[in-house]
Amino acid sequence: MPGLMLLDTPSLYFRAYYGVPESMTAPDGMPVNAVRGLIDMIATLVRAHAPDELVACMDADWRPAFRVAAIPSYKAHRVATGHEEEVPDTLAPQVPVIERVLDALGVARVGVPGYEADDVIGTYTFRAGGPVDIVTGDRDLFQLVDDERSRRVLYTIKGIRNLQAIDEAQVSAKYGIPGRTYADFATLRGDPSDGLPGVPGVGDKTAAALITRFGSLAAMLTALDDGVTDGFPAGSRLKLAKARDYLAVAPAVVKVAHDAPLPDISITRPVAPRDPETLVALADRYGLDGPLNRLLTVLAA
């Protein structure tokens, strides 16, 4: 399905880091497993899907102020020191190498100050005029699936060579909710991995029942505020009423942005490297000849 492919780059390089042995090193002994793994992932994706446009979406801010202001616990448990995200010692030096490789290749690399990679993905998806494939291991991005507009997630839970294509039917089958309501469902049940508390006492089944019954979180809140009693599973109405303050602010945290100020750059998939000399230097410095040659062959094809 040619169109726009959006890479959740942090998700992918973390997966590469843990999936490729650290014995993959540069000539000087520096681990380059995440770099090599990501390059091979991109080659596999381009070979399989041949996107017309390709964007490596980045975290310019992994814990944006607007989300922390709404819910202070947002990703708070991931903070190692100060405001730095905890990244393995042998991965952190590889991230700048990844960025330099992408730039030399000519793959559009986009991060927006004050926003996460998810928000860059959400904004490109919202603006796109054709099909969109979102490659990620983050289920939060299931909220962007839209069959009518040919938006789907290629989920890496089974590995980059065996991606699970997530569309509205898959979301409905997995969670028992309408296909485009994942964000509302996630708001109710919460997500401990992101520091989102959810509504105490409301788990997956109750959240799914509420969203299915009312169609959306907004409609459910209207019914709650209007004193409606029908359609609320036993005991859930009181729990929701107690969590009304959380429910008022949580959607702004859970839903990805659609209005991040994207840079005015070309996102056309490159067929040749933008900076061949720099790419050769990077290949020599970090021992990347094999994966880069594989990717360049796929891009040229």
C-alpha atoms as a PDB file:
ATOM      1  CA  MET A   1       0.000   0.000   0.000  1.00  0.00           C
ATOM      2  CA  PRO A   2       2.263   2.856  -1.187  1.00  0.00           C
ATOM      3  CA  GLY A   3       1.745   6.102   0.661  1.00  0.00           C
ATOM      4  CA  LEU A   4       3.224   7.613   3.814  1.00  0.00           C
ATOM      5  CA  MET A   5       5.164   5.489   6.311  1.00  0.00           C
ATOM      6  CA  LEU A   6       5.753   6.970   9.758  1.00  0.00           C
ATOM      7  CA  LEU A   7       8.411   5.391  11.965  1.00  0.00           C
ATOM      8  CA  ASP A   8       8.077   5.625  15.732  1.00  0.00           C
ATOM      9  CA  THR A   9      11.852   5.824  15.827  1.00  0.00           C
ATOM     10  CA  PRO A  10      12.431   5.646  19.604  1.00  0.00           C
ATOM     11  CA  SER A  11      10.194   2.579  19.832  1.00  0.00           C
ATOM     12  CA  LEU A  12      12.114   0.954  16.993  1.00  0.00           C
ATOM     13  CA  TYR A  13      15.636   1.691  18.192  1.00  0.00           C
ATOM     14  CA  PHE A  14      14.789   0.457  21.702  1.00  0.00           C
ATOM     15  CA  ARG A  15      13.476  -2.747  20.112  1.00  0.00           C
ATOM     16  CA  ALA A  16      16.622  -3.019  17.985  1.00  0.00           C
ATOM     17  CA  TYR A  17      18.810  -2.456  21.038  1.00  0.00           C
ATOM     18  CA  TYR A  18      17.208  -5.314  22.942  1.00  0.00           C
ATOM     19  CA  GLY A  19      16.859  -7.557  19.885  1.00  0.00           C
ATOM     20  CA  VAL A  20      20.394  -7.363  18.463  1.00  0.00           C
ATOM     21  CA  PRO A  21      23.360  -8.562  20.576  1.00  0.00           C
ATOM     22  CA  GLU A  22      25.746  -5.970  21.992  1.00  0.00           C
ATOM     23  CA  SER A  23      28.532  -8.012  20.410  1.00  0.00           C
ATOM     24  CA  MET A  24      27.723  -5.995  17.287  1.00  0.00           C
ATOM     25  CA  THR A  25      30.361  -3.317  17.717  1.00  0.00           C
ATOM     26  CA  ALA A  26      32.212  -0.601  15.821  1.00  0.00           C
ATOM     27  CA  PRO A  27      35.923  -1.122  15.063  1.00  0.00           C
ATOM     28  CA  ASP A  28      36.786   0.682  18.323  1.00  0.00           C
ATOM     29  CA  GLY A  29      34.519  -1.628  20.351  1.00  0.00           C
ATOM     30  CA  MET A  30      31.552   0.718  20.782  1.00  0.00           C
ATOM     31  CA  PRO A  31      28.247  -1.223  20.666  1.00  0.00           C
ATOM     32  CA  VAL A  32      26.246  -0.364  17.544  1.00  0.00           C
ATOM     33  CA  ASN A  33      23.531  -2.994  17.868  1.00  0.00           C
ATOM     34  CA  ALA A  34      20.695  -0.423  17.923  1.00  0.00           C
ATOM     35  CA  VAL A  35      22.130   1.423  14.910  1.00  0.00           C
ATOM     36  CA  ARG A  36      22.555  -1.740  12.847  1.00  0.00           C
ATOM     37  CA  GLY A  37      19.194  -3.111  13.945  1.00  0.00           C
ATOM     38  CA  LEU A  38      17.313   0.059  13.030  1.00  0.00           C
ATOM     39  CA  ILE A  39      18.971   0.284   9.601  1.00  0.00           C
ATOM     40  CA  ASP A  40      17.975  -3.313   8.874  1.00  0.00           C
ATOM     41  CA  MET A  41      14.434  -2.645  10.135  1.00  0.00           C
ATOM     42  CA  ILE A  42      14.053   0.266   7.711  1.00  0.00           C
ATOM     43  CA  ALA A  43      15.393  -1.851   4.843  1.00  0.00           C
ATOM     44  CA  THR A  44      12.877  -4.601   5.640  1.00  0.00           C
ATOM     45  CA  LEU A  45       9.993  -2.120   5.849  1.00  0.00           C
ATOM     46  CA  VAL A  46      10.847  -0.352   2.596  1.00  0.00           C
ATOM     47  CA  ARG A  47      11.295  -3.656   0.783  1.00  0.00           C
ATOM     48  CA  ALA A  48       7.946  -4.974   2.009  1.00  0.00           C
ATOM     49  CA  HIS A  49       5.813  -1.832   1.698  1.00  0.00           C
ATOM     50  CA  ALA A  50       7.568   0.521  -0.765  1.00  0.00           C
ATOM     51  CA  PRO A  51       6.251   3.777   0.762  1.00  0.00           C
ATOM     52  CA  ASP A  52       6.329   6.910  -1.386  1.00  0.00           C
ATOM     53  CA  GLU A  53       7.071   9.026   1.698  1.00  0.00           C
ATOM     54  CA  LEU A  54       9.041   8.103   4.810  1.00  0.00           C
ATOM     55  CA  VAL A  55       9.474   9.979   8.093  1.00  0.00           C
ATOM     56  CA  ALA A  56      11.577   8.990  11.087  1.00  0.00           C
ATOM     57  CA  CYS A  57       9.586  10.610  13.910  1.00  0.00           C
ATOM     58  CA  MET A  58      11.571  11.558  17.010  1.00  0.00           C
ATOM     59  CA  ASP A  59      11.010  12.567  20.631  1.00  0.00           C
ATOM     60  CA  ALA A  60      12.092  16.192  20.913  1.00  0.00           C
ATOM     61  CA  ASP A  61      10.485  16.076  24.367  1.00  0.00           C
ATOM     62  CA  TRP A  62       9.605  12.649  25.756  1.00  0.00           C
ATOM     63  CA  ARG A  63       7.634  14.196  28.682  1.00  0.00           C
ATOM     64  CA  PRO A  64       5.968  17.346  27.339  1.00  0.00           C
ATOM     65  CA  ALA A  65       5.067  20.122  29.749  1.00  0.00           C
ATOM     66  CA  PHE A  66       1.429  20.253  28.628  1.00  0.00           C
ATOM     67  CA  ARG A  67       0.943  16.611  29.612  1.00  0.00           C
ATOM     68  CA  VAL A  68       2.757  16.940  32.936  1.00  0.00           C
ATOM     69  CA  ALA A  69       0.715  20.055  33.772  1.00  0.00           C
ATOM     70  CA  ALA A  70      -2.485  18.077  33.236  1.00  0.00           C
ATOM     71  CA  ILE A  71      -1.338  14.904  35.028  1.00  0.00           C
ATOM     72  CA  PRO A  72       1.892  15.330  37.055  1.00  0.00           C
ATOM     73  CA  SER A  73       2.397  11.558  37.316  1.00  0.00           C
ATOM     74  CA  TYR A  74       2.791  11.295  33.535  1.00  0.00           C
ATOM     75  CA  LYS A  75       5.958   9.207  32.993  1.00  0.00           C
ATOM     76  CA  ALA A  76       7.241  10.422  36.367  1.00  0.00           C
ATOM     77  CA  HIS A  77       8.472   6.945  37.288  1.00  0.00           C
ATOM     78  CA  ARG A  78      10.734   6.914  34.231  1.00  0.00           C
ATOM     79  CA  VAL A  79      12.701   9.943  35.320  1.00  0.00           C
ATOM     80  CA  ALA A  80      16.207   8.890  36.288  1.00  0.00           C
ATOM     81  CA  THR A  81      17.842  12.221  37.171  1.00  0.00           C
ATOM     82  CA  GLY A  82      16.442  15.695  36.691  1.00  0.00           C
ATOM     83  CA  HIS A  83      14.343  15.598  33.525  1.00  0.00           C
ATOM     84  CA  GLU A  84      16.322  12.957  31.664  1.00  0.00           C
ATOM     85  CA  GLU A  85      14.709   9.743  30.521  1.00  0.00           C
ATOM     86  CA  GLU A  86      16.441   6.616  31.720  1.00  0.00           C
ATOM     87  CA  VAL A  87      18.251   5.151  28.693  1.00  0.00           C
ATOM     88  CA  PRO A  88      20.706   2.224  28.918  1.00  0.00           C
ATOM     89  CA  ASP A  89      24.316   3.381  29.062  1.00  0.00           C
ATOM     90  CA  THR A  90      25.249   1.571  25.867  1.00  0.00           C
ATOM     91  CA  LEU A  91      22.211   2.838  23.949  1.00  0.00           C
ATOM     92  CA  ALA A  92      22.537   6.561  24.695  1.00  0.00           C
ATOM     93  CA  PRO A  93      25.728   7.051  22.577  1.00  0.00           C
ATOM     94  CA  GLN A  94      24.069   5.275  19.648  1.00  0.00           C
ATOM     95  CA  VAL A  95      21.170   7.711  19.316  1.00  0.00           C
ATOM     96  CA  PRO A  96      23.278  10.558  17.848  1.00  0.00           C
ATOM     97  CA  VAL A  97      24.791   8.053  15.411  1.00  0.00           C
ATOM     98  CA  ILE A  98      21.302   6.997  14.326  1.00  0.00           C
ATOM     99  CA  GLU A  99      20.399  10.638  13.751  1.00  0.00           C
ATOM    100  CA  ARG A 100      23.536  11.297  11.673  1.00  0.00           C
ATOM    101  CA  VAL A 101      22.951   8.167   9.585  1.00  0.00           C
ATOM    102  CA  LEU A 102      19.337   9.123   8.856  1.00  0.00           C
ATOM    103  CA  ASP A 103      20.391  12.647   7.886  1.00  0.00           C
ATOM    104  CA  ALA A 104      23.143  11.408   5.563  1.00  0.00           C
ATOM    105  CA  LEU A 105      20.721   8.969   3.953  1.00  0.00           C
ATOM    106  CA  GLY A 106      18.204  11.741   3.376  1.00  0.00           C
ATOM    107  CA  VAL A 107      15.435  10.101   5.414  1.00  0.00           C
ATOM    108  CA  ALA A 108      13.302  12.898   6.859  1.00  0.00           C
ATOM    109  CA  ARG A 109      13.945  13.040  10.612  1.00  0.00           C
ATOM    110  CA  VAL A 110      11.352  15.103  12.457  1.00  0.00           C
ATOM    111  CA  GLY A 111      11.101  16.058  16.098  1.00  0.00           C
ATOM    112  CA  VAL A 112       9.134  19.078  17.304  1.00  0.00           C
ATOM    113  CA  PRO A 113      10.117  20.955  20.497  1.00  0.00           C
ATOM    114  CA  GLY A 114       7.576  20.358  23.231  1.00  0.00           C
ATOM    115  CA  TYR A 115       6.129  17.222  21.601  1.00  0.00           C
ATOM    116  CA  GLU A 116       6.685  13.476  21.556  1.00  0.00           C
ATOM    117  CA  ALA A 117       7.227  11.301  18.511  1.00  0.00           C
ATOM    118  CA  ASP A 118       3.610  10.162  18.927  1.00  0.00           C
ATOM    119  CA  ASP A 119       2.459  13.745  18.374  1.00  0.00           C
ATOM    120  CA  VAL A 120       4.569  14.097  15.229  1.00  0.00           C
ATOM    121  CA  ILE A 121       3.000  10.867  13.989  1.00  0.00           C
ATOM    122  CA  GLY A 122      -0.483  12.087  14.896  1.00  0.00           C
ATOM    123  CA  THR A 123      -0.022  15.371  13.068  1.00  0.00           C
ATOM    124  CA  TYR A 124       1.359  13.798   9.893  1.00  0.00           C
ATOM    125  CA  THR A 125      -1.463  11.251   9.980  1.00  0.00           C
ATOM    126  CA  PHE A 126      -4.079  13.971  10.403  1.00  0.00           C
ATOM    127  CA  ARG A 127      -2.664  15.977   7.483  1.00  0.00           C
ATOM    128  CA  ALA A 128      -2.056  13.086   5.099  1.00  0.00           C
ATOM    129  CA  GLY A 129      -4.096  12.913   1.929  1.00  0.00           C
ATOM    130  CA  GLY A 130      -3.488   9.237   1.235  1.00  0.00           C
ATOM    131  CA  PRO A 131      -2.773   5.924   2.992  1.00  0.00           C
ATOM    132  CA  VAL A 132      -0.647   5.943   6.145  1.00  0.00           C
ATOM    133  CA  ASP A 133       1.289   3.110   7.775  1.00  0.00           C
ATOM    134  CA  ILE A 134       2.490   3.765  11.339  1.00  0.00           C
ATOM    135  CA  VAL A 135       5.283   1.452  12.484  1.00  0.00           C
ATOM    136  CA  THR A 136       5.462   1.165  16.266  1.00  0.00           C
ATOM    137  CA  GLY A 137       5.529  -1.112  19.257  1.00  0.00           C
ATOM    138  CA  ASP A 138       3.354   1.355  21.195  1.00  0.00           C
ATOM    139  CA  ARG A 139      -0.316   0.452  21.411  1.00  0.00           C
ATOM    140  CA  ASP A 140      -1.185   4.085  22.250  1.00  0.00           C
ATOM    141  CA  LEU A 141      -1.039   4.747  18.516  1.00  0.00           C
ATOM    142  CA  PHE A 142      -3.932   2.347  17.917  1.00  0.00           C
ATOM    143  CA  GLN A 143      -6.067   5.471  18.412  1.00  0.00           C
ATOM    144  CA  LEU A 144      -5.045   6.601  14.907  1.00  0.00           C
ATOM    145  CA  VAL A 145      -6.459   3.643  12.956  1.00  0.00           C
ATOM    146  CA  ASP A 146      -9.139   4.679  10.490  1.00  0.00           C
ATOM    147  CA  ASP A 147     -10.333   2.282   7.820  1.00  0.00           C
ATOM    148  CA  GLU A 148     -12.118   4.947   5.786  1.00  0.00           C
ATOM    149  CA  ARG A 149      -8.930   6.979   5.418  1.00  0.00           C
ATOM    150  CA  SER A 150      -6.586   3.931   5.107  1.00  0.00           C
ATOM    151  CA  ARG A 151      -4.718   4.576   8.362  1.00  0.00           C
ATOM    152  CA  ARG A 152      -3.314   1.497  10.049  1.00  0.00           C
ATOM    153  CA  VAL A 153      -0.631   0.544  12.562  1.00  0.00           C
ATOM    154  CA  LEU A 154       2.074  -1.980  11.720  1.00  0.00           C
ATOM    155  CA  TYR A 155       2.658  -3.347  15.210  1.00  0.00           C
ATOM    156  CA  THR A 156       6.083  -4.766  16.020  1.00  0.00           C
ATOM    157  CA  ILE A 157       4.973  -7.049  18.831  1.00  0.00           C
ATOM    158  CA  LYS A 158       5.796 -10.076  16.640  1.00  0.00           C
ATOM    159  CA  GLY A 159       9.012  -8.599  15.230  1.00  0.00           C
ATOM    160  CA  ILE A 160       9.802  -6.416  12.270  1.00  0.00           C
ATOM    161  CA  ARG A 161       9.623  -9.303   9.805  1.00  0.00           C
ATOM    162  CA  ASN A 162       6.219 -10.412  11.034  1.00  0.00           C
ATOM    163  CA  LEU A 163       4.313  -7.211  11.734  1.00  0.00           C
ATOM    164  CA  GLN A 164       0.715  -7.307  12.902  1.00  0.00           C
ATOM    165  CA  ALA A 165      -1.417  -4.961  10.816  1.00  0.00           C
ATOM    166  CA  ILE A 166      -3.841  -3.216  13.176  1.00  0.00           C
ATOM    167  CA  ASP A 167      -7.022  -1.793  11.677  1.00  0.00           C
ATOM    168  CA  GLU A 168     -10.391  -1.017  13.216  1.00  0.00           C
ATOM    169  CA  ALA A 169     -11.464  -4.656  13.133  1.00  0.00           C
ATOM    170  CA  GLN A 170      -8.322  -5.695  15.019  1.00  0.00           C
ATOM    171  CA  VAL A 171      -8.894  -3.036  17.693  1.00  0.00           C
ATOM    172  CA  SER A 172     -12.510  -4.145  18.084  1.00  0.00           C
ATOM    173  CA  ALA A 173     -11.550  -7.821  18.273  1.00  0.00           C
ATOM    174  CA  LYS A 174      -8.801  -7.264  20.836  1.00  0.00           C
ATOM    175  CA  TYR A 175     -10.530  -4.787  23.153  1.00  0.00           C
ATOM    176  CA  GLY A 176     -14.257  -5.133  22.446  1.00  0.00           C
ATOM    177  CA  ILE A 177     -14.698  -1.459  21.538  1.00  0.00           C
ATOM    178  CA  PRO A 178     -15.536   0.509  18.383  1.00  0.00           C
ATOM    179  CA  GLY A 179     -12.419   0.624  16.237  1.00  0.00           C
ATOM    180  CA  ARG A 180     -11.686   4.345  16.560  1.00  0.00           C
ATOM    181  CA  THR A 181     -12.201   4.695  20.319  1.00  0.00           C
ATOM    182  CA  TYR A 182      -8.932   3.321  21.690  1.00  0.00           C
ATOM    183  CA  ALA A 183      -7.916   6.661  23.269  1.00  0.00           C
ATOM    184  CA  ASP A 184     -11.202   6.871  25.202  1.00  0.00           C
ATOM    185  CA  PHE A 185     -10.806   3.262  26.353  1.00  0.00           C
ATOM    186  CA  ALA A 186      -7.201   3.891  27.444  1.00  0.00           C
ATOM    187  CA  THR A 187      -8.228   7.014  29.361  1.00  0.00           C
ATOM    188  CA  LEU A 188     -10.681   5.020  31.468  1.00  0.00           C
ATOM    189  CA  ARG A 189      -8.504   2.022  32.214  1.00  0.00           C
ATOM    190  CA  GLY A 190      -5.237   3.962  32.568  1.00  0.00           C
ATOM    191  CA  ASP A 191      -1.719   2.857  31.720  1.00  0.00           C
ATOM    192  CA  PRO A 192       0.768   2.304  34.566  1.00  0.00           C
ATOM    193  CA  SER A 193       3.673   2.237  32.093  1.00  0.00           C
ATOM    194  CA  ASP A 194       2.965   5.916  31.334  1.00  0.00           C
ATOM    195  CA  GLY A 195       1.967   6.936  34.845  1.00  0.00           C
ATOM    196  CA  LEU A 196      -1.701   7.339  33.883  1.00  0.00           C
ATOM    197  CA  PRO A 197      -3.863   6.273  36.828  1.00  0.00           C
ATOM    198  CA  GLY A 198      -7.122   5.663  35.003  1.00  0.00           C
ATOM    199  CA  VAL A 199     -10.351   5.428  36.974  1.00  0.00           C
ATOM    200  CA  PRO A 200      -9.797   3.362  40.150  1.00  0.00           C
ATOM    201  CA  GLY A 201     -11.794   0.168  39.966  1.00  0.00           C
ATOM    202  CA  VAL A 202     -12.481   0.433  36.225  1.00  0.00           C
ATOM    203  CA  GLY A 203     -10.578  -2.237  34.327  1.00  0.00           C
ATOM    204  CA  ASP A 204     -10.554  -3.382  30.726  1.00  0.00           C
ATOM    205  CA  LYS A 205     -14.006  -5.007  30.745  1.00  0.00           C
ATOM    206  CA  THR A 206     -15.824  -2.128  32.401  1.00  0.00           C
ATOM    207  CA  ALA A 207     -14.028   0.452  30.261  1.00  0.00           C
ATOM    208  CA  ALA A 208     -14.965  -1.486  27.113  1.00  0.00           C
ATOM    209  CA  ALA A 209     -18.580  -1.793  28.238  1.00  0.00           C
ATOM    210  CA  LEU A 210     -18.834   1.938  28.917  1.00  0.00           C
ATOM    211  CA  ILE A 211     -17.287   3.006  25.615  1.00  0.00           C
ATOM    212  CA  THR A 212     -19.394   0.518  23.668  1.00  0.00           C
ATOM    213  CA  ARG A 213     -22.578   1.616  25.431  1.00  0.00           C
ATOM    214  CA  PHE A 214     -22.081   5.369  25.052  1.00  0.00           C
ATOM    215  CA  GLY A 215     -19.948   5.461  21.904  1.00  0.00           C
ATOM    216  CA  SER A 216     -17.340   7.851  23.259  1.00  0.00           C
ATOM    217  CA  LEU A 217     -15.882   9.207  26.473  1.00  0.00           C
ATOM    218  CA  ALA A 218     -17.455  12.608  25.812  1.00  0.00           C
ATOM    219  CA  ALA A 219     -20.940  11.089  25.484  1.00  0.00           C
ATOM    220  CA  MET A 220     -20.400   9.037  28.633  1.00  0.00           C
ATOM    221  CA  LEU A 221     -19.367  12.137  30.596  1.00  0.00           C
ATOM    222  CA  THR A 222     -22.424  14.021  29.340  1.00  0.00           C
ATOM    223  CA  ALA A 223     -24.637  11.176  30.574  1.00  0.00           C
ATOM    224  CA  LEU A 224     -22.800  11.157  33.896  1.00  0.00           C
ATOM    225  CA  ASP A 225     -23.197  14.915  34.369  1.00  0.00           C
ATOM    226  CA  ASP A 226     -26.862  14.781  33.325  1.00  0.00           C
ATOM    227  CA  GLY A 227     -27.659  12.208  35.995  1.00  0.00           C
ATOM    228  CA  VAL A 228     -28.348   9.351  33.578  1.00  0.00           C
ATOM    229  CA  THR A 229     -28.197   5.987  35.344  1.00  0.00           C
ATOM    230  CA  ASP A 230     -28.948   3.543  32.546  1.00  0.00           C
ATOM    231  CA  GLY A 231     -25.983   1.927  30.814  1.00  0.00           C
ATOM    232  CA  PHE A 232     -23.489   2.174  33.669  1.00  0.00           C
ATOM    233  CA  PRO A 233     -22.231  -1.226  34.911  1.00  0.00           C
ATOM    234  CA  ALA A 234     -22.918  -1.897  38.575  1.00  0.00           C
ATOM    235  CA  GLY A 235     -20.880   0.349  40.826  1.00  0.00           C
ATOM    236  CA  SER A 236     -19.151   2.146  37.986  1.00  0.00           C
ATOM    237  CA  ARG A 237     -21.149   5.358  38.117  1.00  0.00           C
ATOM    238  CA  LEU A 238     -19.881   6.296  41.590  1.00  0.00           C
ATOM    239  CA  LYS A 239     -16.300   5.445  40.610  1.00  0.00           C
ATOM    240  CA  LEU A 240     -16.565   7.661  37.539  1.00  0.00           C
ATOM    241  CA  ALA A 241     -18.083  10.513  39.536  1.00  0.00           C
ATOM    242  CA  LYS A 242     -15.191  10.386  42.012  1.00  0.00           C
ATOM    243  CA  ALA A 243     -12.716  10.476  39.118  1.00  0.00           C
ATOM    244  CA  ARG A 244     -14.443  13.360  37.323  1.00  0.00           C
ATOM    245  CA  ASP A 245     -11.487  15.738  37.772  1.00  0.00           C
ATOM    246  CA  TYR A 246      -9.112  13.185  36.244  1.00  0.00           C
ATOM    247  CA  LEU A 247     -11.499  12.533  33.358  1.00  0.00           C
ATOM    248  CA  ALA A 248     -11.664  16.238  32.598  1.00  0.00           C
ATOM    249  CA  VAL A 249      -7.921  16.507  31.908  1.00  0.00           C
ATOM    250  CA  ALA A 250      -6.857  12.998  30.895  1.00  0.00           C
ATOM    251  CA  PRO A 251      -7.978  13.115  27.238  1.00  0.00           C
ATOM    252  CA  ALA A 252      -5.494  15.921  26.540  1.00  0.00           C
ATOM    253  CA  VAL A 253      -2.751  13.624  27.834  1.00  0.00           C
ATOM    254  CA  VAL A 254      -3.838  10.365  26.220  1.00  0.00           C
ATOM    255  CA  LYS A 255      -4.771  11.669  22.785  1.00  0.00           C
ATOM    256  CA  VAL A 256      -1.882  12.390  20.443  1.00  0.00           C
ATOM    257  CA  ALA A 257      -1.637  15.917  19.109  1.00  0.00           C
ATOM    258  CA  HIS A 258      -2.939  16.689  15.618  1.00  0.00           C
ATOM    259  CA  ASP A 259      -1.494  20.182  15.463  1.00  0.00           C
ATOM    260  CA  ALA A 260       2.230  19.949  16.202  1.00  0.00           C
ATOM    261  CA  PRO A 261       4.107  22.604  14.144  1.00  0.00           C
ATOM    262  CA  LEU A 262       5.810  20.368  11.600  1.00  0.00           C
ATOM    263  CA  PRO A 263       8.797  21.698   9.660  1.00  0.00           C
ATOM    264  CA  ASP A 264       8.411  22.470   5.980  1.00  0.00           C
ATOM    265  CA  ILE A 265      10.689  19.748   4.600  1.00  0.00           C
ATOM    266  CA  SER A 266      10.478  17.069   1.941  1.00  0.00           C
ATOM    267  CA  ILE A 267       9.383  13.677   3.224  1.00  0.00           C
ATOM    268  CA  THR A 268       9.775  11.865  -0.089  1.00  0.00           C
ATOM    269  CA  ARG A 269      11.541   8.534   0.378  1.00  0.00           C
ATOM    270  CA  PRO A 270      15.139   8.935  -0.841  1.00  0.00           C
ATOM    271  CA  VAL A 271      16.460   6.769  -3.670  1.00  0.00           C
ATOM    272  CA  ALA A 272      20.091   7.799  -3.108  1.00  0.00           C
ATOM    273  CA  PRO A 273      21.935   9.223  -0.089  1.00  0.00           C
ATOM    274  CA  ARG A 274      21.731  12.954   0.494  1.00  0.00           C
ATOM    275  CA  ASP A 275      25.340  13.114   1.719  1.00  0.00           C
ATOM    276  CA  PRO A 276      27.348  10.175   0.320  1.00  0.00           C
ATOM    277  CA  GLU A 277      30.685  11.305   1.775  1.00  0.00           C
ATOM    278  CA  THR A 278      29.329  11.572   5.304  1.00  0.00           C
ATOM    279  CA  LEU A 279      27.565   8.232   4.938  1.00  0.00           C
ATOM    280  CA  VAL A 280      30.818   6.542   3.869  1.00  0.00           C
ATOM    281  CA  ALA A 281      32.610   8.110   6.832  1.00  0.00           C
ATOM    282  CA  LEU A 282      29.908   6.875   9.215  1.00  0.00           C
ATOM    283  CA  ALA A 283      30.021   3.397   7.671  1.00  0.00           C
ATOM    284  CA  ASP A 284      33.797   3.245   8.176  1.00  0.00           C
ATOM    285  CA  ARG A 285      33.751   4.741  11.660  1.00  0.00           C
ATOM    286  CA  TYR A 286      31.034   2.461  13.025  1.00  0.00           C
ATOM    287  CA  GLY A 287      31.354  -0.651  10.853  1.00  0.00           C
ATOM    288  CA  LEU A 288      27.999  -0.222   9.138  1.00  0.00           C
ATOM    289  CA  ASP A 289      28.884  -1.276   5.584  1.00  0.00           C
ATOM    290  CA  GLY A 290      26.659  -4.364   5.550  1.00  0.00           C
ATOM    291  CA  PRO A 291      23.362  -2.876   6.810  1.00  0.00           C
ATOM    292  CA  LEU A 292      23.834   0.407   4.924  1.00  0.00           C
ATOM    293  CA  ASN A 293      24.515  -1.363   1.639  1.00  0.00           C
ATOM    294  CA  ARG A 294      21.393  -3.468   2.147  1.00  0.00           C
ATOM    295  CA  LEU A 295      19.303  -0.359   2.803  1.00  0.00           C
ATOM    296  CA  LEU A 296      20.775   1.611  -0.096  1.00  0.00           C
ATOM    297  CA  THR A 297      20.000  -1.252  -2.463  1.00  0.00           C
ATOM    298  CA  VAL A 298      16.369  -1.318  -1.297  1.00  0.00           C
ATOM    299  CA  LEU A 299      16.008   2.462  -1.557  1.00  0.00           C
ATOM    300  CA  ALA A 300      17.443   2.541  -5.082  1.00  0.00           C
ATOM    301  CA  ALA A 301      15.061  -0.207  -6.182  1.00  0.00           C
END
